[in-house]
N, C-alpha and C. Protein backbone atom coordinates (compact mmCIF):
# COMPACT_ATOMS: atom_id res chain seq x y z
N UNK A 1 74.93 12.21 -32.94
CA UNK A 1 74.10 11.75 -34.04
C UNK A 1 72.79 11.20 -33.47
N UNK A 2 71.70 11.64 -33.98
CA UNK A 2 70.38 11.17 -33.57
C UNK A 2 70.02 9.97 -34.42
N UNK A 3 69.60 8.87 -33.79
CA UNK A 3 69.32 7.65 -34.54
C UNK A 3 67.90 7.58 -35.09
N UNK A 4 67.09 8.58 -34.88
CA UNK A 4 65.69 8.51 -35.26
C UNK A 4 65.45 8.45 -36.77
N UNK A 5 66.35 8.96 -37.58
CA UNK A 5 66.10 9.05 -39.01
C UNK A 5 66.95 8.09 -39.84
N UNK A 6 67.42 7.05 -39.24
CA UNK A 6 68.29 6.10 -39.94
C UNK A 6 67.61 4.76 -40.08
N UNK A 7 67.89 4.07 -41.18
CA UNK A 7 67.36 2.73 -41.34
C UNK A 7 68.23 1.74 -40.56
N UNK A 8 67.82 0.51 -40.54
CA UNK A 8 68.50 -0.50 -39.74
C UNK A 8 69.97 -0.64 -40.12
N UNK A 9 70.25 -0.68 -41.40
CA UNK A 9 71.64 -0.81 -41.85
C UNK A 9 72.47 0.39 -41.41
N UNK A 10 71.94 1.60 -41.57
CA UNK A 10 72.67 2.81 -41.16
C UNK A 10 72.94 2.80 -39.66
N UNK A 11 71.96 2.35 -38.90
CA UNK A 11 72.15 2.28 -37.45
C UNK A 11 73.29 1.32 -37.12
N UNK A 12 73.30 0.18 -37.76
CA UNK A 12 74.36 -0.80 -37.56
C UNK A 12 75.71 -0.21 -37.94
N UNK A 13 75.77 0.37 -39.11
CA UNK A 13 77.02 0.95 -39.64
C UNK A 13 77.57 2.04 -38.72
N UNK A 14 76.68 2.78 -38.06
CA UNK A 14 77.09 3.89 -37.21
C UNK A 14 77.20 3.52 -35.73
N UNK A 15 77.12 2.23 -35.43
CA UNK A 15 77.35 1.78 -34.05
C UNK A 15 76.16 1.84 -33.13
N UNK A 16 74.96 2.09 -33.66
CA UNK A 16 73.75 2.10 -32.83
C UNK A 16 73.16 0.68 -32.83
N UNK A 17 73.87 -0.23 -32.18
CA UNK A 17 73.51 -1.64 -32.26
C UNK A 17 72.17 -1.96 -31.61
N UNK A 18 71.90 -1.36 -30.46
CA UNK A 18 70.61 -1.59 -29.81
C UNK A 18 69.46 -1.13 -30.69
N UNK A 19 69.60 0.04 -31.29
CA UNK A 19 68.54 0.56 -32.16
C UNK A 19 68.40 -0.28 -33.43
N UNK A 20 69.51 -0.75 -33.96
CA UNK A 20 69.47 -1.61 -35.14
C UNK A 20 68.74 -2.91 -34.84
N UNK A 21 69.04 -3.51 -33.69
CA UNK A 21 68.37 -4.75 -33.25
C UNK A 21 66.87 -4.51 -33.14
N UNK A 22 66.50 -3.39 -32.55
CA UNK A 22 65.09 -3.07 -32.36
C UNK A 22 64.37 -2.93 -33.70
N UNK A 23 64.97 -2.21 -34.63
CA UNK A 23 64.34 -2.02 -35.94
C UNK A 23 64.21 -3.34 -36.68
N UNK A 24 65.24 -4.18 -36.58
CA UNK A 24 65.17 -5.49 -37.24
C UNK A 24 64.00 -6.30 -36.68
N UNK A 25 63.88 -6.31 -35.36
CA UNK A 25 62.78 -7.05 -34.73
C UNK A 25 61.43 -6.50 -35.17
N UNK A 26 61.28 -5.18 -35.14
CA UNK A 26 59.96 -4.62 -35.46
C UNK A 26 59.55 -4.88 -36.91
N UNK A 27 60.52 -5.00 -37.81
CA UNK A 27 60.14 -5.36 -39.18
C UNK A 27 59.55 -6.77 -39.19
N UNK A 28 60.13 -7.67 -38.41
CA UNK A 28 59.63 -9.03 -38.30
C UNK A 28 58.27 -9.04 -37.59
N UNK A 29 58.16 -8.28 -36.52
CA UNK A 29 56.93 -8.20 -35.74
C UNK A 29 55.76 -7.76 -36.61
N UNK A 30 55.97 -6.71 -37.40
CA UNK A 30 54.87 -6.20 -38.22
C UNK A 30 54.51 -7.17 -39.35
N UNK A 31 55.51 -7.82 -39.93
CA UNK A 31 55.24 -8.82 -40.97
C UNK A 31 54.45 -9.99 -40.39
N UNK A 32 54.86 -10.46 -39.22
CA UNK A 32 54.14 -11.56 -38.56
C UNK A 32 52.72 -11.13 -38.21
N UNK A 33 52.56 -9.89 -37.77
CA UNK A 33 51.23 -9.37 -37.43
C UNK A 33 50.30 -9.40 -38.63
N UNK A 34 50.83 -9.06 -39.79
CA UNK A 34 50.02 -9.06 -41.01
C UNK A 34 49.52 -10.47 -41.32
N UNK A 35 50.42 -11.45 -41.23
CA UNK A 35 50.00 -12.83 -41.52
C UNK A 35 48.91 -13.28 -40.55
N UNK A 36 49.07 -12.94 -39.29
CA UNK A 36 48.06 -13.34 -38.30
C UNK A 36 46.74 -12.61 -38.56
N UNK A 37 46.82 -11.33 -38.91
CA UNK A 37 45.58 -10.59 -39.22
C UNK A 37 44.85 -11.21 -40.39
N UNK A 38 45.60 -11.67 -41.39
CA UNK A 38 44.98 -12.33 -42.54
C UNK A 38 44.22 -13.59 -42.13
N UNK A 39 44.61 -14.17 -41.02
CA UNK A 39 43.92 -15.34 -40.49
C UNK A 39 42.86 -14.97 -39.45
N UNK A 40 42.67 -13.66 -39.25
CA UNK A 40 41.68 -13.20 -38.27
C UNK A 40 42.16 -13.29 -36.84
N UNK A 41 43.47 -13.32 -36.65
CA UNK A 41 44.05 -13.46 -35.31
C UNK A 41 44.75 -12.17 -34.93
N UNK A 42 44.43 -11.68 -33.75
CA UNK A 42 45.07 -10.47 -33.22
C UNK A 42 45.80 -10.80 -31.94
N UNK A 43 46.91 -10.14 -31.74
CA UNK A 43 47.64 -10.29 -30.49
C UNK A 43 47.91 -8.92 -29.91
N UNK A 44 47.82 -8.81 -28.60
CA UNK A 44 48.01 -7.51 -27.96
C UNK A 44 49.35 -7.39 -27.25
N UNK A 45 50.15 -8.45 -27.32
CA UNK A 45 51.48 -8.42 -26.70
C UNK A 45 52.50 -9.02 -27.66
N UNK A 46 53.73 -8.70 -27.43
CA UNK A 46 54.81 -9.25 -28.26
C UNK A 46 54.94 -10.75 -28.04
N UNK A 47 54.89 -11.18 -26.79
CA UNK A 47 55.01 -12.62 -26.52
C UNK A 47 53.80 -13.36 -27.08
N UNK A 48 52.64 -12.74 -27.04
CA UNK A 48 51.44 -13.35 -27.61
C UNK A 48 51.55 -13.50 -29.10
N UNK A 49 52.12 -12.51 -29.76
CA UNK A 49 52.29 -12.58 -31.21
C UNK A 49 53.23 -13.73 -31.57
N UNK A 50 54.32 -13.86 -30.85
CA UNK A 50 55.27 -14.94 -31.12
C UNK A 50 54.58 -16.29 -30.92
N UNK A 51 53.81 -16.42 -29.85
CA UNK A 51 53.09 -17.67 -29.57
C UNK A 51 52.06 -17.98 -30.66
N UNK A 52 51.29 -16.97 -31.05
CA UNK A 52 50.27 -17.17 -32.08
C UNK A 52 50.89 -17.49 -33.44
N UNK A 53 52.02 -16.86 -33.74
CA UNK A 53 52.73 -17.14 -34.98
C UNK A 53 53.15 -18.61 -34.99
N UNK A 54 53.69 -19.07 -33.89
CA UNK A 54 54.10 -20.47 -33.78
C UNK A 54 52.93 -21.42 -33.89
N UNK A 55 51.86 -21.11 -33.19
CA UNK A 55 50.69 -21.98 -33.14
C UNK A 55 49.95 -22.05 -34.48
N UNK A 56 49.74 -20.91 -35.11
CA UNK A 56 48.89 -20.86 -36.30
C UNK A 56 49.63 -20.94 -37.63
N UNK A 57 50.93 -20.71 -37.62
CA UNK A 57 51.68 -20.75 -38.88
C UNK A 57 52.79 -21.80 -38.88
N UNK A 58 53.55 -21.87 -37.81
CA UNK A 58 54.66 -22.83 -37.77
C UNK A 58 54.15 -24.24 -37.53
N UNK A 59 53.36 -24.43 -36.51
CA UNK A 59 52.87 -25.78 -36.19
C UNK A 59 52.01 -26.37 -37.30
N UNK A 60 51.35 -25.51 -38.05
CA UNK A 60 50.51 -26.00 -39.15
C UNK A 60 51.30 -26.21 -40.43
N UNK A 61 52.62 -25.98 -40.36
CA UNK A 61 53.48 -26.24 -41.50
C UNK A 61 53.45 -25.18 -42.60
N UNK A 62 52.84 -24.04 -42.33
CA UNK A 62 52.76 -22.98 -43.35
C UNK A 62 54.05 -22.17 -43.41
N UNK A 63 54.74 -22.11 -42.30
CA UNK A 63 56.02 -21.40 -42.19
C UNK A 63 57.01 -22.36 -41.53
N UNK A 64 58.24 -22.38 -42.02
CA UNK A 64 59.26 -23.26 -41.44
C UNK A 64 59.54 -22.90 -39.99
N UNK A 65 59.84 -23.93 -39.21
CA UNK A 65 60.09 -23.77 -37.77
C UNK A 65 61.20 -22.75 -37.48
N UNK A 66 62.22 -22.72 -38.32
CA UNK A 66 63.34 -21.82 -38.05
C UNK A 66 62.91 -20.35 -38.04
N UNK A 67 61.84 -20.02 -38.77
CA UNK A 67 61.38 -18.63 -38.78
C UNK A 67 60.65 -18.28 -37.49
N UNK A 68 59.98 -19.25 -36.90
CA UNK A 68 59.39 -19.03 -35.59
C UNK A 68 60.46 -18.80 -34.54
N UNK A 69 61.55 -19.56 -34.64
CA UNK A 69 62.67 -19.38 -33.70
C UNK A 69 63.33 -18.03 -33.91
N UNK A 70 63.50 -17.63 -35.17
CA UNK A 70 64.09 -16.31 -35.46
C UNK A 70 63.28 -15.20 -34.81
N UNK A 71 61.96 -15.29 -34.96
CA UNK A 71 61.08 -14.27 -34.39
C UNK A 71 61.20 -14.25 -32.87
N UNK A 72 61.19 -15.41 -32.27
CA UNK A 72 61.30 -15.51 -30.81
C UNK A 72 62.64 -14.98 -30.32
N UNK A 73 63.72 -15.41 -30.96
CA UNK A 73 65.05 -14.95 -30.55
C UNK A 73 65.21 -13.45 -30.75
N UNK A 74 64.66 -12.94 -31.84
CA UNK A 74 64.74 -11.51 -32.12
C UNK A 74 63.97 -10.69 -31.07
N UNK A 75 62.80 -11.20 -30.67
CA UNK A 75 62.03 -10.52 -29.62
C UNK A 75 62.83 -10.45 -28.33
N UNK A 76 63.44 -11.55 -27.96
CA UNK A 76 64.22 -11.59 -26.72
C UNK A 76 65.41 -10.62 -26.78
N UNK A 77 66.11 -10.61 -27.90
CA UNK A 77 67.24 -9.69 -28.05
C UNK A 77 66.77 -8.24 -28.03
N UNK A 78 65.66 -7.97 -28.70
CA UNK A 78 65.13 -6.59 -28.70
C UNK A 78 64.74 -6.16 -27.31
N UNK A 79 64.11 -7.04 -26.54
CA UNK A 79 63.73 -6.67 -25.17
C UNK A 79 64.96 -6.42 -24.32
N UNK A 80 66.00 -7.23 -24.47
CA UNK A 80 67.24 -6.98 -23.74
C UNK A 80 67.86 -5.66 -24.15
N UNK A 81 67.85 -5.37 -25.45
CA UNK A 81 68.43 -4.13 -25.96
C UNK A 81 67.66 -2.90 -25.48
N UNK A 82 66.34 -3.00 -25.48
CA UNK A 82 65.52 -1.86 -25.11
C UNK A 82 65.40 -1.66 -23.60
N UNK A 83 65.37 -2.75 -22.85
CA UNK A 83 65.04 -2.64 -21.42
C UNK A 83 66.13 -3.13 -20.48
N UNK A 84 67.12 -3.86 -20.99
CA UNK A 84 68.17 -4.38 -20.13
C UNK A 84 69.05 -3.25 -19.62
N UNK A 85 69.11 -3.10 -18.32
CA UNK A 85 69.84 -1.98 -17.70
C UNK A 85 71.32 -2.03 -18.06
N UNK A 86 71.91 -3.18 -18.01
CA UNK A 86 73.35 -3.26 -18.29
C UNK A 86 73.64 -3.97 -19.61
N UNK A 87 72.62 -4.20 -20.42
CA UNK A 87 72.81 -4.92 -21.68
C UNK A 87 73.04 -3.94 -22.81
N UNK A 88 74.01 -4.26 -23.65
CA UNK A 88 74.21 -3.52 -24.89
C UNK A 88 74.45 -4.54 -25.99
N UNK A 89 73.70 -4.46 -27.04
CA UNK A 89 73.87 -5.38 -28.16
C UNK A 89 75.24 -5.17 -28.78
N UNK A 90 75.83 -6.25 -29.23
CA UNK A 90 77.12 -6.17 -29.90
C UNK A 90 76.91 -5.98 -31.40
N UNK A 91 77.98 -5.65 -32.08
CA UNK A 91 77.90 -5.53 -33.54
C UNK A 91 77.50 -6.87 -34.15
N UNK A 92 78.05 -7.96 -33.64
CA UNK A 92 77.73 -9.28 -34.16
C UNK A 92 76.24 -9.59 -33.98
N UNK A 93 75.68 -9.26 -32.81
CA UNK A 93 74.25 -9.49 -32.58
C UNK A 93 73.40 -8.64 -33.52
N UNK A 94 73.81 -7.40 -33.73
CA UNK A 94 73.06 -6.51 -34.63
C UNK A 94 73.13 -7.01 -36.07
N UNK A 95 74.29 -7.51 -36.47
CA UNK A 95 74.43 -8.05 -37.84
C UNK A 95 73.55 -9.29 -38.03
N UNK A 96 73.54 -10.15 -37.02
CA UNK A 96 72.70 -11.35 -37.10
C UNK A 96 71.22 -10.97 -37.12
N UNK A 97 70.83 -9.98 -36.31
CA UNK A 97 69.44 -9.53 -36.29
C UNK A 97 69.03 -8.99 -37.66
N UNK A 98 69.92 -8.23 -38.29
CA UNK A 98 69.63 -7.68 -39.62
C UNK A 98 69.50 -8.82 -40.64
N UNK A 99 70.42 -9.77 -40.61
CA UNK A 99 70.38 -10.91 -41.52
C UNK A 99 69.10 -11.70 -41.33
N UNK A 100 68.75 -11.99 -40.07
CA UNK A 100 67.53 -12.74 -39.79
C UNK A 100 66.29 -11.97 -40.21
N UNK A 101 66.30 -10.66 -39.98
CA UNK A 101 65.17 -9.85 -40.39
C UNK A 101 64.94 -9.91 -41.88
N UNK A 102 66.02 -9.83 -42.65
CA UNK A 102 65.91 -9.91 -44.11
C UNK A 102 65.36 -11.26 -44.55
N UNK A 103 65.91 -12.33 -43.96
CA UNK A 103 65.44 -13.68 -44.30
C UNK A 103 63.96 -13.86 -43.96
N UNK A 104 63.59 -13.36 -42.79
CA UNK A 104 62.22 -13.47 -42.33
C UNK A 104 61.27 -12.75 -43.29
N UNK A 105 61.62 -11.54 -43.67
CA UNK A 105 60.77 -10.77 -44.59
C UNK A 105 60.67 -11.44 -45.95
N UNK A 106 61.77 -12.02 -46.41
CA UNK A 106 61.72 -12.75 -47.68
C UNK A 106 60.77 -13.95 -47.59
N UNK A 107 60.80 -14.64 -46.46
CA UNK A 107 59.90 -15.78 -46.26
C UNK A 107 58.44 -15.33 -46.24
N UNK A 108 58.18 -14.21 -45.61
CA UNK A 108 56.81 -13.69 -45.56
C UNK A 108 56.35 -13.30 -46.96
N UNK A 109 57.25 -12.68 -47.74
CA UNK A 109 56.91 -12.34 -49.13
C UNK A 109 56.58 -13.59 -49.93
N UNK A 110 57.37 -14.64 -49.77
CA UNK A 110 57.10 -15.91 -50.47
C UNK A 110 55.74 -16.46 -50.06
N UNK A 111 55.44 -16.40 -48.79
CA UNK A 111 54.16 -16.89 -48.27
C UNK A 111 53.00 -16.13 -48.94
N UNK A 112 53.13 -14.81 -48.99
CA UNK A 112 52.07 -13.98 -49.57
C UNK A 112 51.95 -14.18 -51.07
N UNK A 113 53.08 -14.32 -51.77
CA UNK A 113 53.06 -14.56 -53.22
C UNK A 113 52.40 -15.90 -53.53
N UNK A 114 52.78 -16.91 -52.78
CA UNK A 114 52.24 -18.26 -53.00
C UNK A 114 50.72 -18.28 -52.89
N UNK A 115 50.18 -17.39 -52.08
CA UNK A 115 48.74 -17.34 -51.86
C UNK A 115 48.06 -16.27 -52.72
N UNK A 116 48.84 -15.67 -53.63
CA UNK A 116 48.29 -14.68 -54.55
C UNK A 116 47.93 -13.35 -53.89
N UNK A 117 48.53 -13.08 -52.75
CA UNK A 117 48.20 -11.85 -52.03
C UNK A 117 49.09 -10.67 -52.41
N UNK A 118 50.24 -10.97 -53.01
CA UNK A 118 51.09 -9.94 -53.62
C UNK A 118 51.61 -10.50 -54.93
N UNK A 119 52.01 -9.61 -55.83
CA UNK A 119 52.40 -10.08 -57.15
C UNK A 119 53.82 -9.71 -57.53
N UNK A 120 54.50 -8.91 -56.77
CA UNK A 120 55.87 -8.49 -57.11
C UNK A 120 56.88 -9.34 -56.40
């Protein structure tokens, strides 16, 4: 089975835990990138994005601290999943990554709605 055409949930369901973790992280990464771009902030690295998210959104009280931690933890797990020679994400880690990704995206939607940037 090729994992290229499956969403995060399908990857999890079919045992592609590393790929599921990666997709969950990238959904968070892109959402965080959008918020930073709205503030005129660009990052060229994953670690830079996590740092800028913390500095410009979490520390200023615009986003709860737990979401900064979720993003940071998700980045670390994704890097282990993608690049760790002997690392393989577990089903439990993939499930947590999916849960955190959903929560993170909901928080970003709330942030955007509160500021009148989206209406649905």
